[in-house]
Amino acid sequence: MKSNRRIISILCCLLLSLLKTSAQMIIDGRPAAFDTITNTMMATIPKNCFHQNLLLTVQLTDDWTHLTIDSQPVDNNYLFNDVSAAKVYPFKATQADGQEINGNITFTYLPLLQLSGTFNTEYSDGTFMLCDPESNEASSLSARIKWRGATTNGPNRHKHNYKLKFDDDYSFLGLRSDNNWILDAGQPDLFRLRNRIATEIWNDFATKPYYADQKPKAMSGVRGRVVEVFLNHEYQGIYALTECLDRKQMKLCKADTVNKEIHGLLWKSVEYGYSTMYNNPIQPYDNTSEVWNAFETKYPDLEDTDTLDWSLLKEAIQLVAKGTNTSFKSHVDDYFDLPVMTDLQLFIEVMGALDNRGKNTYFAIYDKAQSRKITFAVWDLDLTMGNRILEYYSPGYSASDYEIGFVNKLTQRLSNINHHDFNTELSNRYAELRTGAFAVDSLYRRYQHYYDLLHNCGADRREENRWSGNSDVYGSTIDFANELEYIRNWIIQRMAYLDNKYMYDDAIRTSVFTQSHTVYNIQGQRMENAQPRRPGIYIRDGRKYVVR
């Protein structure tokens, strides 16, 4: 059995040998991280230690000597008065070459992650050291590390995302045990954590995949934890250390690599294309290729099964793109996990997920021997909640300036033929979620929680100082308080807009139109569908409603 975690005592010489001579201080039994840009030594401590006077052990390695903090000589222990996000403690020490170094010590309660190595778009060797403030131990490991992402690695991009591979499975910060991990920089996001928060919202409300009775732990989103990252002793700022979205996360059936039999299937829509929007033309596929149209295979690996299987994905898309209404009605339930698609439609509308309608979605089949049904998982949700920093967004962009409409042709056809009373079900599901996950206060509290998490340990100001004005954010100023207020207003506007679209009445907490009502248009014609989907003026029970 693979070990769950390789822990090396932080007092061990092996661990210390991974640190360069510029970071040779251990505070409260945990290696501190040194930022050579600002000459700041950062230590992590438990959150409940903030706003207290703390007598902590402070040790140096052989490379540093003669330590003073706030002009007081230090011998193993020092009393740090009133530890807080804003407090710094001046220190001096002598390096091995005899030079004196001056800097400041500061504290955080977020985990500290130190990376060492030279990285680019190809994997290369590096070291990984994670200090958990709730533990007196640190994980120190060798890893293969590379940049991940596409546009985030373009010219004039600096705060990179990272993919990390280890030789064994490890669990960090209470997350799953695995050998593949992601560091999400939130590069195109002035709040840095839109992707993390949006995924958590989805994880908390989304309908479980159709096979959840067999695999109750299946997840259609990933979990993550906020960390502060140093690269080669330079502060890189706020990141989310996250799990990978893969066969393991979704609990898909493994392939039989002995008999070369495929069971579970997983694909990702990586760009916009006819196929990802369920439109013609439907291109031929090659089962020896890991890509088809705008999709790429995520499971199984071609080397494990010698061939892939694009047929079921193509059949499903072809049904939507080309199938007659009769054929569509007869087979759409066989091919698609419709309760999950209903949730995805509403989620993308609520979050304003402009970049997730035809891409950044995972398509999965649990076991093709049991069912050809496709379910869905979310990914890459940076461009949500009014994210406006990209160069093609106008300064006046607001929550009610655009209509996302249908996520794809699948939900459009479901609505057009009102399959299984889809329009009523969509509105009813919206009304249900409006009192829970989609309540304005519930949505806003998610972002407020993370703002408080960052602000109370000073991570927001460190991020602002490090990255404001950078070309990553097109020269914008990073101001977390300002961005939180922008998100609050955006949520209020967005939900008011969608309440009108779905005819949701907060006073009675339901859609004002249900199938039990008779609805007329402004010309006095009775509507066959009691859930109007087009803008206009409608009459129900003698009362006028405007659908924009």
Protein backbone atom coordinates (compact mmCIF):
# COMPACT_ATOMS: atom_id res chain seq x y z
CA MET A 1 0.00 0.00 0.00
CA LYS A 2 1.26 3.44 -0.86
CA SER A 3 2.12 5.61 2.10
CA ASN A 4 -0.42 8.30 2.83
CA ARG A 5 2.17 10.93 3.51
CA ARG A 6 5.93 11.13 3.88
CA ILE A 7 6.64 13.34 6.85
CA ILE A 8 10.12 14.49 7.66
CA SER A 9 10.80 16.26 10.90
CA ILE A 10 11.48 19.89 10.23
CA LEU A 11 14.42 19.80 12.59
CA CYS A 12 16.07 17.17 10.45
CA CYS A 13 19.17 18.11 8.49
CA LEU A 14 17.72 16.52 5.38
CA LEU A 15 14.88 19.01 5.38
CA LEU A 16 17.12 21.94 6.06
CA SER A 17 19.40 20.97 3.20
CA LEU A 18 16.55 21.72 0.80
CA LEU A 19 16.57 25.35 1.89
CA LYS A 20 18.94 27.85 0.36
CA THR A 21 21.11 29.90 2.66
CA SER A 22 18.70 32.85 2.41
CA ALA A 23 16.01 31.07 4.47
CA GLN A 24 17.59 29.63 7.57
CA MET A 25 15.16 30.42 10.38
CA ILE A 26 12.81 28.03 12.21
CA ILE A 27 10.01 29.64 14.24
CA ASP A 28 7.76 27.65 16.54
CA GLY A 29 9.19 24.45 15.08
CA ARG A 30 8.33 25.30 11.46
CA PRO A 31 10.71 26.52 8.75
CA ALA A 32 9.96 30.14 7.91
CA ALA A 33 9.94 31.35 4.31
CA PHE A 34 12.21 34.21 3.29
CA ASP A 35 11.23 36.70 0.61
CA THR A 36 14.40 38.13 -0.91
CA ILE A 37 12.39 40.85 -2.69
CA THR A 38 11.35 42.53 0.57
CA ASN A 39 13.77 40.89 3.03
CA THR A 40 10.78 39.54 4.93
CA MET A 41 10.79 36.31 6.90
CA MET A 42 7.29 34.79 7.11
CA ALA A 43 6.26 32.17 9.64
CA THR A 44 2.93 30.36 9.91
CA ILE A 45 1.18 29.79 13.22
CA PRO A 46 -2.31 28.57 14.19
CA LYS A 47 -5.08 31.09 13.62
CA ASN A 48 -6.03 31.19 17.30
CA CYS A 49 -2.52 32.46 18.12
CA PHE A 50 -3.16 35.81 16.43
CA HIS A 51 -3.71 38.84 18.71
CA GLN A 52 -1.71 37.27 21.49
CA ASN A 53 1.74 37.62 23.01
CA LEU A 54 3.65 34.50 21.95
CA LEU A 55 6.84 33.09 23.40
CA LEU A 56 8.15 31.07 20.46
CA THR A 57 11.29 29.10 19.77
CA VAL A 58 13.50 30.72 17.14
CA GLN A 59 16.40 28.70 15.74
CA LEU A 60 19.01 29.29 13.05
CA THR A 61 20.93 26.83 10.95
CA ASP A 62 24.70 26.84 10.73
CA ASP A 63 24.55 29.34 7.88
CA TRP A 64 23.17 32.18 10.02
CA THR A 65 24.41 33.47 13.37
CA HIS A 66 24.06 36.40 15.78
CA LEU A 67 20.32 36.87 15.52
CA THR A 68 18.62 39.90 17.05
CA ILE A 69 14.91 40.72 16.92
CA ASP A 70 13.88 44.29 17.61
CA SER A 71 17.51 44.88 18.71
CA GLN A 72 17.34 42.10 21.34
CA PRO A 73 19.78 39.17 21.09
CA VAL A 74 17.91 35.92 20.64
CA ASP A 75 18.94 32.59 22.11
CA ASN A 76 16.34 29.96 21.20
CA ASN A 77 13.25 31.89 22.40
CA TYR A 78 11.65 35.26 21.75
CA LEU A 79 8.46 36.92 23.01
CA PHE A 80 6.51 38.26 20.04
CA ASN A 81 4.12 40.87 21.40
CA ASP A 82 0.63 41.35 19.93
CA VAL A 83 0.97 39.13 16.87
CA SER A 84 -1.29 40.44 14.11
CA ALA A 85 -1.51 40.85 10.36
CA ALA A 86 -0.06 44.36 10.45
CA LYS A 87 2.74 43.69 12.92
CA VAL A 88 6.36 43.22 11.81
CA TYR A 89 9.44 42.51 13.93
CA PRO A 90 12.79 43.87 12.67
CA PHE A 91 15.62 41.36 12.75
CA LYS A 92 19.34 41.21 12.01
CA ALA A 93 21.52 38.20 11.43
CA THR A 94 24.96 37.38 10.10
CA GLN A 95 25.27 35.16 7.04
CA ALA A 96 27.93 32.52 6.49
CA ASP A 97 30.00 34.93 4.36
CA GLY A 98 30.05 37.44 7.21
CA GLN A 99 27.57 39.85 5.67
CA GLU A 100 24.84 41.22 7.87
CA ILE A 101 21.25 40.92 6.73
CA ASN A 102 18.43 43.17 7.91
CA GLY A 103 14.77 42.34 7.49
CA ASN A 104 11.39 41.91 9.11
CA ILE A 105 9.58 38.91 10.56
CA THR A 106 5.85 38.63 9.97
CA PHE A 107 3.19 35.99 10.58
CA THR A 108 0.37 34.34 8.72
CA TYR A 109 -2.07 31.59 9.64
CA LEU A 110 -2.29 30.27 6.08
CA PRO A 111 -0.17 27.25 5.11
CA LEU A 112 3.19 28.18 3.59
CA LEU A 113 4.36 26.40 0.46
CA GLN A 114 7.94 26.79 -0.72
CA LEU A 115 8.93 25.67 -4.22
CA SER A 116 12.47 25.47 -5.55
CA GLY A 117 13.49 24.89 -9.15
CA THR A 118 13.40 26.35 -12.64
CA PHE A 119 10.06 25.71 -14.34
CA ASN A 120 8.37 26.19 -17.70
CA THR A 121 5.76 24.38 -19.80
CA GLU A 122 7.66 21.06 -19.53
CA TYR A 123 8.09 19.04 -16.34
CA SER A 124 11.37 19.52 -14.50
CA ASP A 125 12.73 18.50 -11.11
CA GLY A 126 11.93 20.65 -8.11
CA THR A 127 11.35 20.58 -4.37
CA PHE A 128 8.13 21.12 -2.48
CA MET A 129 7.88 22.02 1.20
CA LEU A 130 4.48 22.63 2.79
CA CYS A 131 4.12 23.92 6.35
CA ASP A 132 0.73 23.47 7.96
CA PRO A 133 0.13 25.97 10.80
CA GLU A 134 -1.91 23.37 12.66
CA SER A 135 1.01 20.93 12.78
CA ASN A 136 4.60 20.99 13.98
CA GLU A 137 5.67 18.96 10.99
CA ALA A 138 6.31 19.85 7.36
CA SER A 139 5.99 17.86 4.16
CA SER A 140 9.24 18.05 2.23
CA LEU A 141 9.27 16.23 -1.09
CA SER A 142 10.86 16.04 -4.49
CA ALA A 143 8.45 16.68 -7.34
CA ARG A 144 8.15 17.09 -11.08
CA ILE A 145 6.72 20.54 -11.68
CA LYS A 146 5.60 22.57 -14.70
CA TRP A 147 3.46 25.55 -15.60
CA ARG A 148 -0.12 24.66 -16.49
CA GLY A 149 -2.71 26.52 -18.53
CA ALA A 150 -2.77 28.16 -21.94
CA THR A 151 -3.35 31.93 -21.94
CA THR A 152 -1.84 32.20 -18.47
CA ASN A 153 1.54 31.26 -19.96
CA GLY A 154 1.49 33.87 -22.71
CA PRO A 155 3.85 36.81 -23.09
CA ASN A 156 4.01 39.19 -20.13
CA ARG A 157 2.44 36.64 -17.76
CA HIS A 158 4.23 36.14 -14.46
CA LYS A 159 2.12 34.53 -11.72
CA HIS A 160 1.91 31.05 -13.18
CA ASN A 161 -0.31 28.09 -12.37
CA TYR A 162 1.60 24.89 -11.57
CA LYS A 163 1.04 21.19 -12.00
CA LEU A 164 2.90 18.98 -9.52
CA LYS A 165 3.63 15.26 -9.78
CA PHE A 166 5.02 13.15 -6.96
CA ASP A 167 6.40 9.60 -6.97
CA ASP A 168 3.78 8.51 -4.46
CA ASP A 169 0.32 9.49 -3.21
CA TYR A 170 0.14 12.18 -0.52
CA SER A 171 -2.65 13.95 1.30
CA PHE A 172 -2.23 17.64 2.05
CA LEU A 173 -4.36 19.87 4.29
CA GLY A 174 -7.17 17.36 4.62
CA LEU A 175 -7.64 16.83 0.89
CA ARG A 176 -7.59 13.50 -0.95
CA SER A 177 -4.49 11.34 -1.24
CA ASP A 178 -2.97 11.52 -4.72
CA ASN A 179 0.27 12.04 -6.64
CA ASN A 180 -1.07 14.84 -8.89
CA TRP A 181 -1.81 18.32 -7.58
CA ILE A 182 -2.53 21.79 -8.95
CA LEU A 183 -1.53 25.23 -7.74
CA ASP A 184 -4.11 27.72 -9.03
CA ALA A 185 -2.76 31.27 -9.18
CA GLY A 186 -6.06 33.03 -9.96
CA GLN A 187 -3.99 35.01 -12.46
CA PRO A 188 -6.87 36.56 -14.47
CA ASP A 189 -8.84 37.49 -11.34
CA LEU A 190 -8.57 40.57 -9.16
CA PHE A 191 -10.03 38.58 -6.26
CA ARG A 192 -7.71 35.62 -7.00
CA LEU A 193 -10.21 33.07 -5.62
CA ARG A 194 -13.24 33.24 -7.93
CA ASN A 195 -12.45 29.79 -9.32
CA ARG A 196 -12.07 28.26 -5.87
CA ILE A 197 -15.28 29.82 -4.52
CA ALA A 198 -17.42 29.06 -7.58
CA THR A 199 -16.33 25.43 -7.46
CA GLU A 200 -17.28 25.22 -3.79
CA ILE A 201 -20.73 26.61 -4.57
CA TRP A 202 -21.18 23.93 -7.23
CA ASN A 203 -19.91 21.17 -4.93
CA ASP A 204 -22.40 22.15 -2.24
CA PHE A 205 -25.60 22.23 -4.28
CA ALA A 206 -25.19 20.27 -7.52
CA THR A 207 -27.20 17.11 -8.05
CA LYS A 208 -25.02 14.02 -7.65
CA PRO A 209 -24.12 12.06 -10.81
CA TYR A 210 -26.58 9.40 -11.95
CA TYR A 211 -24.41 6.61 -10.52
CA ALA A 212 -24.18 8.10 -7.02
CA ASP A 213 -26.06 5.16 -5.53
CA GLN A 214 -23.09 2.99 -6.55
CA LYS A 215 -20.43 5.61 -5.81
CA PRO A 216 -21.76 8.02 -3.16
CA LYS A 217 -18.38 9.76 -2.83
CA ALA A 218 -18.26 10.74 -6.52
CA MET A 219 -17.58 14.45 -6.98
CA SER A 220 -18.15 16.65 -10.02
CA GLY A 221 -15.83 19.37 -8.76
CA VAL A 222 -12.52 19.60 -6.91
CA ARG A 223 -11.66 20.74 -3.40
CA GLY A 224 -8.81 23.06 -2.51
CA ARG A 225 -7.14 25.07 0.24
CA VAL A 226 -5.67 28.58 0.18
CA VAL A 227 -1.91 28.75 0.67
CA GLU A 228 0.82 31.39 0.37
CA VAL A 229 3.55 30.40 -2.07
CA PHE A 230 7.26 31.22 -2.34
CA LEU A 231 9.27 30.31 -5.43
CA ASN A 232 13.04 30.23 -5.04
CA HIS A 233 12.68 32.52 -2.01
CA GLU A 234 10.53 35.10 -3.75
CA TYR A 235 6.99 35.68 -2.53
CA GLN A 236 4.44 34.64 -5.18
CA GLY A 237 1.28 35.33 -3.21
CA ILE A 238 -2.07 33.64 -2.77
CA TYR A 239 -2.71 30.29 -4.44
CA ALA A 240 -5.25 27.50 -4.12
CA LEU A 241 -3.73 24.04 -3.72
CA THR A 242 -6.35 21.83 -5.35
CA GLU A 243 -7.16 18.28 -6.26
CA CYS A 244 -7.30 17.21 -9.89
CA LEU A 245 -10.55 16.52 -11.72
CA ASP A 246 -10.04 13.01 -13.02
CA ARG A 247 -11.36 9.44 -12.98
CA LYS A 248 -10.49 9.16 -9.31
CA GLN A 249 -12.41 12.29 -8.33
CA MET A 250 -15.51 11.23 -10.27
CA LYS A 251 -15.20 7.57 -9.18
CA LEU A 252 -15.44 6.27 -12.75
CA CYS A 253 -14.83 2.58 -13.41
CA LYS A 254 -11.25 1.66 -14.16
CA ALA A 255 -10.22 0.23 -17.50
CA ASP A 256 -9.23 -3.43 -17.68
CA THR A 257 -5.64 -2.93 -18.82
CA VAL A 258 -5.01 -6.67 -19.05
CA ASN A 259 -7.82 -7.34 -21.52
CA LYS A 260 -7.66 -3.80 -22.96
CA GLU A 261 -11.31 -3.13 -22.10
CA ILE A 262 -12.65 0.38 -21.60
CA HIS A 263 -15.22 1.06 -18.89
CA GLY A 264 -15.22 4.61 -17.51
CA LEU A 265 -14.74 7.50 -19.96
CA LEU A 266 -13.77 11.10 -19.29
CA TRP A 267 -13.38 13.96 -21.76
CA LYS A 268 -12.74 17.68 -21.40
CA SER A 269 -13.95 20.45 -23.71
CA VAL A 270 -10.80 22.52 -24.08
CA GLU A 271 -11.95 25.18 -26.53
CA TYR A 272 -14.97 26.42 -28.39
CA GLY A 273 -16.11 24.22 -31.24
CA TYR A 274 -19.17 22.88 -33.03
CA SER A 275 -19.09 19.69 -30.99
CA THR A 276 -18.88 21.38 -27.57
CA MET A 277 -22.00 23.39 -28.43
CA TYR A 278 -23.77 20.33 -29.92
CA ASN A 279 -23.88 21.79 -33.41
CA ASN A 280 -23.15 20.62 -36.93
CA PRO A 281 -20.94 19.71 -38.64
CA ILE A 282 -20.14 16.53 -36.70
CA GLN A 283 -16.61 15.59 -37.63
CA PRO A 284 -15.30 12.01 -37.86
CA TYR A 285 -13.14 10.74 -35.02
CA ASP A 286 -10.06 8.58 -34.72
CA ASN A 287 -9.92 6.19 -31.77
CA THR A 288 -6.13 6.28 -31.86
CA SER A 289 -6.12 10.04 -31.26
CA GLU A 290 -6.49 11.66 -27.85
CA VAL A 291 -8.28 14.68 -29.35
CA TRP A 292 -11.48 15.04 -31.31
CA ASN A 293 -12.79 18.40 -32.46
CA ALA A 294 -12.61 20.59 -29.33
CA PHE A 295 -12.41 17.68 -26.86
CA GLU A 296 -9.46 15.86 -25.37
CA THR A 297 -9.50 12.48 -23.64
CA LYS A 298 -8.71 12.50 -19.93
CA TYR A 299 -9.44 8.81 -19.30
CA PRO A 300 -8.48 6.14 -20.17
CA ASP A 301 -4.88 6.58 -21.25
CA LEU A 302 -4.30 5.39 -24.78
CA GLU A 303 -1.20 3.48 -23.69
CA ASP A 304 -3.30 1.42 -21.26
CA THR A 305 -6.03 0.32 -23.66
CA ASP A 306 -4.38 0.63 -27.10
CA THR A 307 -7.51 2.35 -28.39
CA LEU A 308 -10.01 4.95 -27.20
CA ASP A 309 -13.75 5.21 -27.69
CA TRP A 310 -15.18 8.46 -29.04
CA SER A 311 -18.35 6.80 -30.33
CA LEU A 312 -20.68 7.46 -27.39
CA LEU A 313 -19.72 11.13 -27.12
CA LYS A 314 -20.24 11.59 -30.85
CA GLU A 315 -23.59 9.78 -30.76
CA ALA A 316 -24.81 11.99 -27.91
CA ILE A 317 -23.76 15.20 -29.63
CA GLN A 318 -25.18 14.01 -32.93
CA LEU A 319 -28.55 13.32 -31.31
CA VAL A 320 -28.76 16.94 -30.18
CA ALA A 321 -27.31 18.44 -33.35
CA LYS A 322 -29.17 16.39 -35.95
CA GLY A 323 -31.83 14.22 -34.31
CA THR A 324 -35.49 14.76 -35.07
CA ASN A 325 -37.74 15.88 -32.24
CA THR A 326 -39.12 12.36 -32.02
CA SER A 327 -35.67 10.81 -31.83
CA PHE A 328 -34.47 13.46 -29.39
CA LYS A 329 -37.38 12.87 -27.01
CA SER A 330 -36.95 9.11 -27.20
CA HIS A 331 -33.23 8.97 -26.47
CA VAL A 332 -32.04 12.16 -24.72
CA ASP A 333 -32.59 10.64 -21.25
CA ASP A 334 -30.45 7.66 -22.25
CA TYR A 335 -27.53 9.85 -23.29
CA PHE A 336 -27.52 12.71 -20.76
CA ASP A 337 -27.69 13.16 -17.00
CA LEU A 338 -30.46 15.76 -17.29
CA PRO A 339 -30.78 16.72 -13.59
CA VAL A 340 -27.08 17.62 -13.57
CA MET A 341 -27.43 19.51 -16.87
CA THR A 342 -30.35 21.48 -15.38
CA ASP A 343 -28.15 22.49 -12.45
CA LEU A 344 -25.30 23.36 -14.80
CA GLN A 345 -27.56 25.64 -16.86
CA LEU A 346 -28.63 27.55 -13.76
CA PHE A 347 -25.14 27.61 -12.24
CA ILE A 348 -23.58 29.13 -15.36
CA GLU A 349 -26.32 31.75 -15.50
CA VAL A 350 -26.04 32.69 -11.83
CA MET A 351 -22.24 32.83 -11.86
CA GLY A 352 -22.12 34.65 -15.19
CA ALA A 353 -19.67 31.98 -16.36
CA LEU A 354 -19.01 33.35 -19.84
CA ASP A 355 -16.13 30.98 -20.48
CA ASN A 356 -17.96 27.79 -19.50
CA ARG A 357 -20.75 27.50 -22.03
CA GLY A 358 -18.85 25.54 -24.67
CA LYS A 359 -15.58 24.79 -22.96
CA ASN A 360 -14.03 24.13 -19.54
CA THR A 361 -16.49 21.31 -18.84
CA TYR A 362 -15.83 17.62 -18.20
CA PHE A 363 -18.03 14.94 -19.78
CA ALA A 364 -18.03 11.55 -18.05
CA ILE A 365 -19.51 8.08 -18.43
CA TYR A 366 -19.36 5.90 -15.34
CA ASP A 367 -19.14 2.54 -17.13
CA LYS A 368 -20.08 2.20 -20.76
CA ALA A 369 -20.87 -1.49 -20.13
CA GLN A 370 -23.71 -0.35 -17.86
CA SER A 371 -24.89 2.89 -19.46
CA ARG A 372 -23.98 5.37 -22.20
CA LYS A 373 -25.26 8.26 -20.08
CA ILE A 374 -22.99 11.33 -19.85
CA THR A 375 -22.77 13.45 -16.72
CA PHE A 376 -20.88 16.70 -16.25
CA ALA A 377 -18.26 18.33 -14.02
CA VAL A 378 -17.17 21.96 -13.72
CA TRP A 379 -13.72 23.42 -14.26
CA ASP A 380 -11.84 26.73 -14.61
CA LEU A 381 -14.32 29.25 -13.20
CA ASP A 382 -12.09 32.34 -13.02
CA LEU A 383 -14.36 34.30 -15.34
CA THR A 384 -17.33 34.42 -12.99
CA MET A 385 -19.08 36.98 -10.82
CA GLY A 386 -18.41 39.83 -13.22
CA ASN A 387 -14.66 39.29 -13.63
CA ARG A 388 -13.84 42.32 -15.73
CA ILE A 389 -10.08 42.59 -16.02
CA LEU A 390 -9.61 40.98 -19.43
CA GLU A 391 -8.88 43.43 -22.18
CA TYR A 392 -12.12 42.79 -24.08
CA TYR A 393 -14.38 43.69 -21.13
CA SER A 394 -15.65 47.26 -20.98
CA PRO A 395 -15.43 49.23 -17.72
CA GLY A 396 -19.23 49.43 -17.60
CA TYR A 397 -19.78 45.66 -17.75
CA SER A 398 -22.49 44.74 -15.27
CA ALA A 399 -24.62 41.81 -14.15
CA SER A 400 -27.56 42.77 -16.35
CA ASP A 401 -25.68 43.82 -19.47
CA TYR A 402 -25.85 40.43 -21.14
CA GLU A 403 -28.00 37.34 -21.48
CA ILE A 404 -26.11 34.08 -21.32
CA GLY A 405 -29.12 32.23 -22.66
CA PHE A 406 -28.85 28.50 -23.04
CA VAL A 407 -25.59 26.82 -22.10
CA ASN A 408 -25.68 24.85 -25.34
CA LYS A 409 -28.05 23.38 -27.90
CA LEU A 410 -28.94 20.57 -25.50
CA THR A 411 -30.72 22.84 -23.01
CA GLN A 412 -32.12 24.89 -25.89
CA ARG A 413 -33.82 21.84 -27.40
CA LEU A 414 -35.02 20.64 -24.02
CA SER A 415 -36.69 24.02 -23.62
CA ASN A 416 -38.04 24.32 -27.16
CA ILE A 417 -39.91 21.02 -26.98
CA ASN A 418 -40.42 21.35 -23.21
CA HIS A 419 -39.19 17.80 -22.69
CA HIS A 420 -40.54 16.37 -19.40
CA ASP A 421 -41.90 19.87 -18.69
CA PHE A 422 -38.28 21.12 -18.72
CA ASN A 423 -39.18 24.82 -18.51
CA THR A 424 -41.24 24.37 -15.37
CA GLU A 425 -38.61 22.11 -13.84
CA LEU A 426 -35.91 24.68 -14.59
CA SER A 427 -37.91 27.48 -12.97
CA ASN A 428 -38.85 25.33 -10.01
CA ARG A 429 -35.23 24.31 -9.48
CA TYR A 430 -34.22 27.97 -9.64
CA ALA A 431 -36.87 28.84 -7.04
CA GLU A 432 -35.66 25.99 -4.81
CA LEU A 433 -32.03 27.12 -5.01
CA ARG A 434 -32.92 30.80 -4.55
CA THR A 435 -33.69 30.06 -0.90
CA GLY A 436 -30.45 28.14 -0.47
CA ALA A 437 -27.27 28.17 -2.52
CA PHE A 438 -28.50 31.00 -4.77
CA ALA A 439 -29.77 33.27 -2.01
CA VAL A 440 -28.06 36.66 -2.28
CA ASP A 441 -26.75 36.49 1.28
CA SER A 442 -25.53 32.92 0.81
CA LEU A 443 -23.61 33.80 -2.35
CA TYR A 444 -22.10 36.94 -0.87
CA ARG A 445 -21.05 35.21 2.38
CA ARG A 446 -18.82 32.90 0.36
CA TYR A 447 -16.75 35.82 -0.89
CA GLN A 448 -16.89 37.67 2.44
CA HIS A 449 -15.54 34.55 4.18
CA TYR A 450 -12.51 34.40 1.93
CA TYR A 451 -11.95 38.14 2.13
CA ASP A 452 -11.85 37.86 5.93
CA LEU A 453 -9.53 34.85 5.70
CA LEU A 454 -7.04 36.82 3.61
CA HIS A 455 -7.44 40.17 5.32
CA ASN A 456 -7.08 39.00 8.90
CA CYS A 457 -3.66 37.46 8.23
CA GLY A 458 -2.44 40.20 5.88
CA ALA A 459 -2.36 38.00 2.77
CA ASP A 460 -4.57 40.44 0.86
CA ARG A 461 -2.10 43.30 1.33
CA ARG A 462 0.85 41.11 0.44
CA GLU A 463 -0.91 40.09 -2.78
CA GLU A 464 -1.81 43.69 -3.57
CA ASN A 465 1.77 44.85 -3.04
CA ARG A 466 3.22 41.99 -5.09
CA TRP A 467 0.97 42.04 -8.15
CA SER A 468 -0.90 45.35 -8.48
CA GLY A 469 -0.18 47.00 -11.82
CA ASN A 470 1.32 43.85 -13.29
CA SER A 471 0.69 42.96 -16.93
CA ASP A 472 -1.02 39.79 -15.65
CA VAL A 473 -3.98 42.00 -14.72
CA TYR A 474 -3.49 44.49 -17.58
CA GLY A 475 -2.06 47.10 -15.23
CA SER A 476 -5.09 47.05 -12.91
CA THR A 477 -4.82 47.78 -9.20
CA ILE A 478 -5.55 44.77 -7.02
CA ASP A 479 -7.75 45.96 -4.17
CA PHE A 480 -9.56 43.15 -2.36
CA ALA A 481 -11.94 45.40 -0.44
CA ASN A 482 -12.96 47.19 -3.61
CA GLU A 483 -13.37 43.90 -5.47
CA LEU A 484 -15.51 42.45 -2.68
CA GLU A 485 -17.85 45.43 -2.91
CA TYR A 486 -17.98 45.05 -6.69
CA ILE A 487 -18.90 41.35 -6.30
CA ARG A 488 -21.59 42.20 -3.73
CA ASN A 489 -23.25 44.67 -6.08
CA TRP A 490 -22.87 42.29 -8.99
CA ILE A 491 -24.63 39.49 -7.08
CA ILE A 492 -27.53 41.78 -6.17
CA GLN A 493 -27.93 42.93 -9.78
CA ARG A 494 -27.51 39.47 -11.23
CA MET A 495 -30.05 37.79 -9.00
CA ALA A 496 -32.59 40.56 -9.58
CA TYR A 497 -32.10 40.06 -13.31
CA LEU A 498 -32.52 36.28 -13.07
CA ASP A 499 -35.50 36.62 -10.72
CA ASN A 500 -37.22 38.52 -13.47
CA LYS A 501 -36.15 36.01 -16.11
CA TYR A 502 -37.38 33.02 -14.09
CA MET A 503 -40.35 34.96 -12.71
CA TYR A 504 -39.28 34.27 -9.16
CA ASP A 505 -41.19 36.11 -6.45
CA ASP A 506 -39.12 36.33 -3.28
CA ALA A 507 -42.20 37.21 -1.24
CA ILE A 508 -43.77 33.81 -1.93
CA ARG A 509 -40.44 32.10 -2.72
CA THR A 510 -41.64 30.41 -5.88
CA SER A 511 -41.97 31.01 -9.58
CA VAL A 512 -45.03 33.16 -10.25
CA PHE A 513 -45.82 30.96 -13.26
CA THR A 514 -46.47 27.25 -12.85
CA GLN A 515 -48.19 24.74 -15.07
CA SER A 516 -51.34 25.04 -12.94
CA HIS A 517 -51.83 28.64 -14.11
CA THR A 518 -53.31 29.89 -17.34
CA VAL A 519 -51.10 32.53 -18.96
CA TYR A 520 -51.95 34.94 -21.77
CA ASN A 521 -49.73 37.17 -23.88
CA ILE A 522 -50.41 40.88 -24.33
CA GLN A 523 -52.58 40.12 -27.37
CA GLY A 524 -54.88 38.03 -25.18
CA GLN A 525 -53.78 34.72 -26.67
CA ARG A 526 -53.53 31.80 -24.28
CA MET A 527 -50.00 30.44 -23.98
CA GLU A 528 -49.59 26.70 -24.48
CA ASN A 529 -46.58 26.79 -22.17
CA ALA A 530 -47.22 28.36 -18.77
CA GLN A 531 -43.51 29.16 -18.48
CA PRO A 532 -42.87 31.92 -21.07
CA ARG A 533 -39.33 31.80 -22.42
CA ARG A 534 -39.41 34.88 -24.63
CA PRO A 535 -39.25 38.54 -23.55
CA GLY A 536 -42.63 40.22 -23.46
CA ILE A 537 -45.64 41.17 -21.35
CA TYR A 538 -47.78 38.36 -19.94
CA ILE A 539 -51.00 38.17 -17.93
CA ARG A 540 -51.59 35.67 -15.11
CA ASP A 541 -54.61 35.86 -12.82
CA GLY A 542 -55.36 39.35 -14.07
CA ARG A 543 -51.87 40.61 -13.16
CA LYS A 544 -49.27 41.85 -15.64
CA TYR A 545 -45.70 40.48 -15.62
CA VAL A 546 -42.82 41.75 -17.76
CA VAL A 547 -40.30 39.17 -18.95
CA ARG A 548 -37.15 40.86 -20.20
